[in-house]
Amino acid sequence: MIFHKKTERVAPYGYKWTDQGLVSDPYRSKVIALIFSLAGAGVTSDEIDYLLRRYDVPKLTEEREIDFEQLKGEMLELIQAWRLESGSRPIEIN
């Protein structure tokens, strides 16, 4: 006889399950917007992965006030400094 564990529905990052169904998670939606904004500025996926870990973005919570524009600026400045130091192509900072 095979027993199956009850599977929990897993929502895509940026969403959450509620009694009303799948709805946007306001905090995680900001994280997604940050990721796409960094990518749009020319930051590579490896650099984005590093930045999210360096700034502990996956561990941040809704309760902690985060200025995502300031965080994005700090991240872009760090990547720009690395690229200039290494002689790589600089990113577009608007």
C-alpha atoms as a PDB file:
ATOM      1  CA  MET A   1       0.000   0.000   0.000  1.00  0.00           C
ATOM      2  CA  ILE A   2       1.319   3.472  -0.934  1.00  0.00           C
ATOM      3  CA  PHE A   3       0.553   6.471   1.224  1.00  0.00           C
ATOM      4  CA  HIS A   4       0.679   9.971  -0.168  1.00  0.00           C
ATOM      5  CA  LYS A   5       1.253  13.057   1.878  1.00  0.00           C
ATOM      6  CA  LYS A   6      -1.310  15.765   1.416  1.00  0.00           C
ATOM      7  CA  THR A   7       0.333  18.223  -0.936  1.00  0.00           C
ATOM      8  CA  GLU A   8       0.202  21.893  -0.113  1.00  0.00           C
ATOM      9  CA  ARG A   9      -0.501  24.283  -2.948  1.00  0.00           C
ATOM     10  CA  VAL A  10       2.573  26.342  -3.643  1.00  0.00           C
ATOM     11  CA  ALA A  11       1.982  29.792  -5.060  1.00  0.00           C
ATOM     12  CA  PRO A  12       4.389  31.337  -7.558  1.00  0.00           C
ATOM     13  CA  TYR A  13       6.719  33.887  -5.956  1.00  0.00           C
ATOM     14  CA  GLY A  14       4.879  37.201  -5.793  1.00  0.00           C
ATOM     15  CA  TYR A  15       1.526  35.546  -5.092  1.00  0.00           C
ATOM     16  CA  LYS A  16      -0.147  33.771  -2.202  1.00  0.00           C
ATOM     17  CA  TRP A  17      -3.120  31.478  -1.756  1.00  0.00           C
ATOM     18  CA  THR A  18      -6.083  32.812   0.202  1.00  0.00           C
ATOM     19  CA  ASP A  19      -9.695  31.746   0.633  1.00  0.00           C
ATOM     20  CA  GLN A  20     -10.412  33.831  -2.475  1.00  0.00           C
ATOM     21  CA  GLY A  21      -7.788  31.952  -4.491  1.00  0.00           C
ATOM     22  CA  LEU A  22      -4.442  33.093  -5.844  1.00  0.00           C
ATOM     23  CA  VAL A  23      -3.802  36.786  -5.108  1.00  0.00           C
ATOM     24  CA  SER A  24      -0.850  39.126  -5.414  1.00  0.00           C
ATOM     25  CA  ASP A  25       1.429  39.379  -2.370  1.00  0.00           C
ATOM     26  CA  PRO A  26       2.185  43.128  -2.109  1.00  0.00           C
ATOM     27  CA  TYR A  27       5.619  42.689  -0.518  1.00  0.00           C
ATOM     28  CA  ARG A  28       6.881  39.934  -2.781  1.00  0.00           C
ATOM     29  CA  SER A  29       5.525  41.771  -5.802  1.00  0.00           C
ATOM     30  CA  LYS A  30       7.945  44.592  -4.926  1.00  0.00           C
ATOM     31  CA  VAL A  31      10.796  42.093  -4.866  1.00  0.00           C
ATOM     32  CA  ILE A  32       9.791  40.858  -8.345  1.00  0.00           C
ATOM     33  CA  ALA A  33       9.654  44.471  -9.577  1.00  0.00           C
ATOM     34  CA  LEU A  34      13.152  45.036  -8.135  1.00  0.00           C
ATOM     35  CA  ILE A  35      14.500  41.976  -9.957  1.00  0.00           C
ATOM     36  CA  PHE A  36      13.031  43.060 -13.306  1.00  0.00           C
ATOM     37  CA  SER A  37      14.230  46.628 -12.777  1.00  0.00           C
ATOM     38  CA  LEU A  38      17.786  45.401 -12.159  1.00  0.00           C
ATOM     39  CA  ALA A  39      17.612  43.161 -15.221  1.00  0.00           C
ATOM     40  CA  GLY A  40      16.316  46.075 -17.292  1.00  0.00           C
ATOM     41  CA  ALA A  41      19.338  48.119 -16.201  1.00  0.00           C
ATOM     42  CA  GLY A  42      21.638  45.421 -17.587  1.00  0.00           C
ATOM     43  CA  VAL A  43      22.484  43.550 -14.389  1.00  0.00           C
ATOM     44  CA  THR A  44      23.094  39.867 -15.152  1.00  0.00           C
ATOM     45  CA  SER A  45      21.143  37.054 -13.505  1.00  0.00           C
ATOM     46  CA  ASP A  46      24.272  35.947 -11.601  1.00  0.00           C
ATOM     47  CA  GLU A  47      24.766  39.491 -10.311  1.00  0.00           C
ATOM     48  CA  ILE A  48      21.092  39.727  -9.299  1.00  0.00           C
ATOM     49  CA  ASP A  49      21.357  36.407  -7.461  1.00  0.00           C
ATOM     50  CA  TYR A  50      24.419  37.681  -5.601  1.00  0.00           C
ATOM     51  CA  LEU A  51      22.764  41.009  -4.726  1.00  0.00           C
ATOM     52  CA  LEU A  52      19.591  39.386  -3.386  1.00  0.00           C
ATOM     53  CA  ARG A  53      21.673  37.170  -1.126  1.00  0.00           C
ATOM     54  CA  ARG A  54      24.061  39.952  -0.070  1.00  0.00           C
ATOM     55  CA  TYR A  55      21.190  42.215   0.985  1.00  0.00           C
ATOM     56  CA  ASP A  56      19.191  39.294   2.469  1.00  0.00           C
ATOM     57  CA  VAL A  57      16.196  40.178   0.315  1.00  0.00           C
ATOM     58  CA  PRO A  58      14.661  36.662   0.486  1.00  0.00           C
ATOM     59  CA  LYS A  59      14.713  36.878   4.307  1.00  0.00           C
ATOM     60  CA  LEU A  60      13.186  40.346   4.576  1.00  0.00           C
ATOM     61  CA  THR A  61       9.615  40.532   5.795  1.00  0.00           C
ATOM     62  CA  GLU A  62       6.640  42.783   5.177  1.00  0.00           C
ATOM     63  CA  GLU A  63       6.962  44.148   8.707  1.00  0.00           C
ATOM     64  CA  ARG A  64      10.333  45.693   7.948  1.00  0.00           C
ATOM     65  CA  GLU A  65      10.022  48.966   6.069  1.00  0.00           C
ATOM     66  CA  ILE A  66      12.131  48.709   2.944  1.00  0.00           C
ATOM     67  CA  ASP A  67      12.753  51.553   0.523  1.00  0.00           C
ATOM     68  CA  PHE A  68      13.096  49.498  -2.645  1.00  0.00           C
ATOM     69  CA  GLU A  69      14.243  52.494  -4.704  1.00  0.00           C
ATOM     70  CA  GLN A  70      17.090  53.159  -2.269  1.00  0.00           C
ATOM     71  CA  LEU A  71      17.953  49.449  -2.190  1.00  0.00           C
ATOM     72  CA  LYS A  72      17.981  49.338  -5.994  1.00  0.00           C
ATOM     73  CA  GLY A  73      20.289  52.381  -6.075  1.00  0.00           C
ATOM     74  CA  GLU A  74      22.730  50.779  -3.654  1.00  0.00           C
ATOM     75  CA  MET A  75      22.718  47.555  -5.650  1.00  0.00           C
ATOM     76  CA  LEU A  76      23.336  49.351  -8.951  1.00  0.00           C
ATOM     77  CA  GLU A  77      26.179  51.385  -7.463  1.00  0.00           C
ATOM     78  CA  LEU A  78      27.843  48.219  -6.151  1.00  0.00           C
ATOM     79  CA  ILE A  79      27.585  46.453  -9.521  1.00  0.00           C
ATOM     80  CA  GLN A  80      28.809  49.566 -11.331  1.00  0.00           C
ATOM     81  CA  ALA A  81      31.874  49.788  -9.078  1.00  0.00           C
ATOM     82  CA  TRP A  82      32.684  46.105  -9.663  1.00  0.00           C
ATOM     83  CA  ARG A  83      32.332  46.436 -13.393  1.00  0.00           C
ATOM     84  CA  LEU A  84      34.450  49.566 -13.616  1.00  0.00           C
ATOM     85  CA  GLU A  85      37.110  47.992 -11.414  1.00  0.00           C
ATOM     86  CA  SER A  86      37.231  44.844 -13.529  1.00  0.00           C
ATOM     87  CA  GLY A  87      37.099  46.678 -16.871  1.00  0.00           C
ATOM     88  CA  SER A  88      33.716  45.169 -17.765  1.00  0.00           C
ATOM     89  CA  ARG A  89      30.932  46.957 -19.587  1.00  0.00           C
ATOM     90  CA  PRO A  90      29.272  49.476 -17.229  1.00  0.00           C
ATOM     91  CA  ILE A  91      25.526  49.387 -16.624  1.00  0.00           C
ATOM     92  CA  GLU A  92      23.037  52.133 -17.390  1.00  0.00           C
ATOM     93  CA  ILE A  93      22.102  53.920 -14.182  1.00  0.00           C
ATOM     94  CA  ASN A  94      19.093  56.208 -14.598  1.00  0.00           C
END
